[in-house]
Protein backbone atom coordinates (compact mmCIF):
# COMPACT_ATOMS: atom_id res chain seq x y z
CA UNK A 1 27.38 -5.19 27.10
CA UNK A 2 24.95 -5.97 24.29
CA UNK A 3 24.98 -3.22 21.70
CA UNK A 4 24.38 -5.17 18.51
CA UNK A 5 21.47 -7.36 17.40
CA UNK A 6 21.56 -9.47 14.24
CA UNK A 7 18.42 -11.18 12.97
CA UNK A 8 18.50 -14.13 10.57
CA UNK A 9 15.41 -15.23 8.69
CA UNK A 10 15.50 -18.29 6.42
CA UNK A 11 14.15 -16.61 3.22
CA UNK A 12 13.24 -13.10 2.10
CA UNK A 13 9.97 -14.41 0.52
CA UNK A 14 7.54 -16.99 1.88
CA UNK A 15 4.15 -18.35 0.89
CA UNK A 16 1.00 -17.20 2.61
CA UNK A 17 0.22 -19.28 5.69
CA UNK A 18 3.72 -20.72 6.04
CA UNK A 19 5.70 -20.66 9.27
CA UNK A 20 9.42 -20.31 9.97
CA UNK A 21 11.88 -19.68 12.75
CA UNK A 22 13.94 -16.51 13.01
CA UNK A 23 17.05 -16.28 15.18
CA UNK A 24 18.35 -13.14 16.88
CA UNK A 25 21.99 -12.98 17.96
CA UNK A 26 23.28 -10.52 20.55
CA UNK A 27 26.86 -9.24 20.51
CA UNK A 28 29.23 -6.68 21.92
CA UNK A 29 30.18 -4.51 18.92
CA UNK A 30 33.68 -3.71 20.24
CA UNK A 31 34.77 -7.34 20.70
CA UNK A 32 32.24 -9.23 18.52
CA UNK A 33 31.77 -11.56 21.49
CA UNK A 34 28.37 -13.09 22.21
CA UNK A 35 26.54 -11.15 24.88
CA UNK A 36 23.46 -11.82 26.99
CA UNK A 37 21.19 -8.79 27.36
CA UNK A 38 19.20 -8.11 30.53
CA UNK A 39 15.93 -8.67 28.66
CA UNK A 40 14.74 -9.55 25.15
CA UNK A 41 11.41 -8.70 23.52
CA UNK A 42 10.13 -8.97 19.98
CA UNK A 43 7.11 -7.90 17.93
CA UNK A 44 5.75 -8.72 14.47
CA UNK A 45 4.05 -6.11 12.28
CA UNK A 46 2.49 -6.02 8.84
CA UNK A 47 4.07 -3.05 7.08
CA UNK A 48 1.49 -3.21 4.27
CA UNK A 49 -1.60 -2.87 6.50
CA UNK A 50 0.02 -1.15 9.49
CA UNK A 51 -1.33 -3.84 11.84
CA UNK A 52 0.52 -5.24 14.83
CA UNK A 53 0.40 -9.02 14.43
CA UNK A 54 2.22 -9.97 17.65
CA UNK A 55 2.67 -7.26 20.29
CA UNK A 56 5.85 -7.06 22.39
CA UNK A 57 6.56 -10.56 23.68
CA UNK A 58 9.27 -11.55 26.16
CA UNK A 59 11.90 -14.17 25.32
CA UNK A 60 14.31 -15.73 27.81
CA UNK A 61 17.55 -13.77 27.97
CA UNK A 62 20.45 -15.56 26.29
CA UNK A 63 23.13 -14.77 23.71
CA UNK A 64 20.66 -15.83 21.00
CA UNK A 65 16.88 -16.15 20.77
CA UNK A 66 14.74 -18.36 18.57
CA UNK A 67 11.49 -16.71 17.50
CA UNK A 68 8.63 -18.59 15.88
CA UNK A 69 6.94 -16.75 13.02
CA UNK A 70 3.58 -18.49 12.78
CA UNK A 71 1.25 -19.19 9.89
CA UNK A 72 -1.07 -16.59 11.42
CA UNK A 73 1.73 -14.00 11.19
CA UNK A 74 2.08 -14.95 7.52
CA UNK A 75 -1.60 -14.67 6.62
CA UNK A 76 -2.39 -11.87 4.16
CA UNK A 77 -5.47 -9.66 3.82
CA UNK A 78 -5.73 -9.52 0.02
CA UNK A 79 -4.29 -11.12 -3.08
CA UNK A 80 -0.77 -10.14 -3.87
CA UNK A 81 2.14 -9.52 -1.54
CA UNK A 82 2.46 -8.08 1.96
CA UNK A 83 5.60 -6.97 3.80
CA UNK A 84 6.06 -8.24 7.37
CA UNK A 85 8.61 -7.05 9.93
CA UNK A 86 10.15 -8.64 13.00
CA UNK A 87 11.62 -6.19 15.51
CA UNK A 88 13.83 -7.45 18.33
CA UNK A 89 14.85 -5.31 21.32
CA UNK A 90 17.70 -6.16 23.71
CA UNK A 91 17.58 -4.51 27.15
CA UNK A 92 13.98 -3.51 26.39
CA UNK A 93 12.91 -0.36 28.25
CA UNK A 94 16.39 0.40 29.60
CA UNK A 95 18.72 3.26 28.68
CA UNK A 96 20.92 0.63 26.95
CA UNK A 97 18.08 -0.66 24.72
CA UNK A 98 19.11 -1.59 21.17
CA UNK A 99 16.69 -2.71 18.46
CA UNK A 100 16.98 -4.27 15.03
CA UNK A 101 14.39 -5.26 12.43
CA UNK A 102 14.17 -7.78 9.60
CA UNK A 103 11.63 -7.64 6.77
CA UNK A 104 10.26 -10.41 4.56
CA UNK A 105 7.59 -10.66 1.87
CA UNK A 106 4.56 -12.92 2.01
CA UNK A 107 2.99 -13.85 -1.35
CA UNK A 108 -0.49 -15.29 -1.66
CA UNK A 109 -0.62 -18.90 -2.78
CA UNK A 110 -2.03 -17.87 -6.15
CA UNK A 111 1.03 -15.66 -6.87
CA UNK A 112 3.35 -18.63 -7.47
């Protein structure tokens, strides 16, 4: 049974317009063994603006999922820094659903 989701992102800060790949791992908390949930979905939000950047999207069920964070996801609305969030749900919509989120910062190219 999947009851733990761990998300790895390559860096906590990225440049505006860059892209990267995040990986979600699914495990059984009691045994720490890899587990394959019934379904996997993810979404990307901008915490700074409150906008949904990618609505719930289905990923093939496996013990891990690779999720592309695109340059469009990492565009910003103004100069400065914006916080983005990836949320991953295992067993989406079921009584056994478990979710986890990871946050990163996007800095405009002029901020470096």
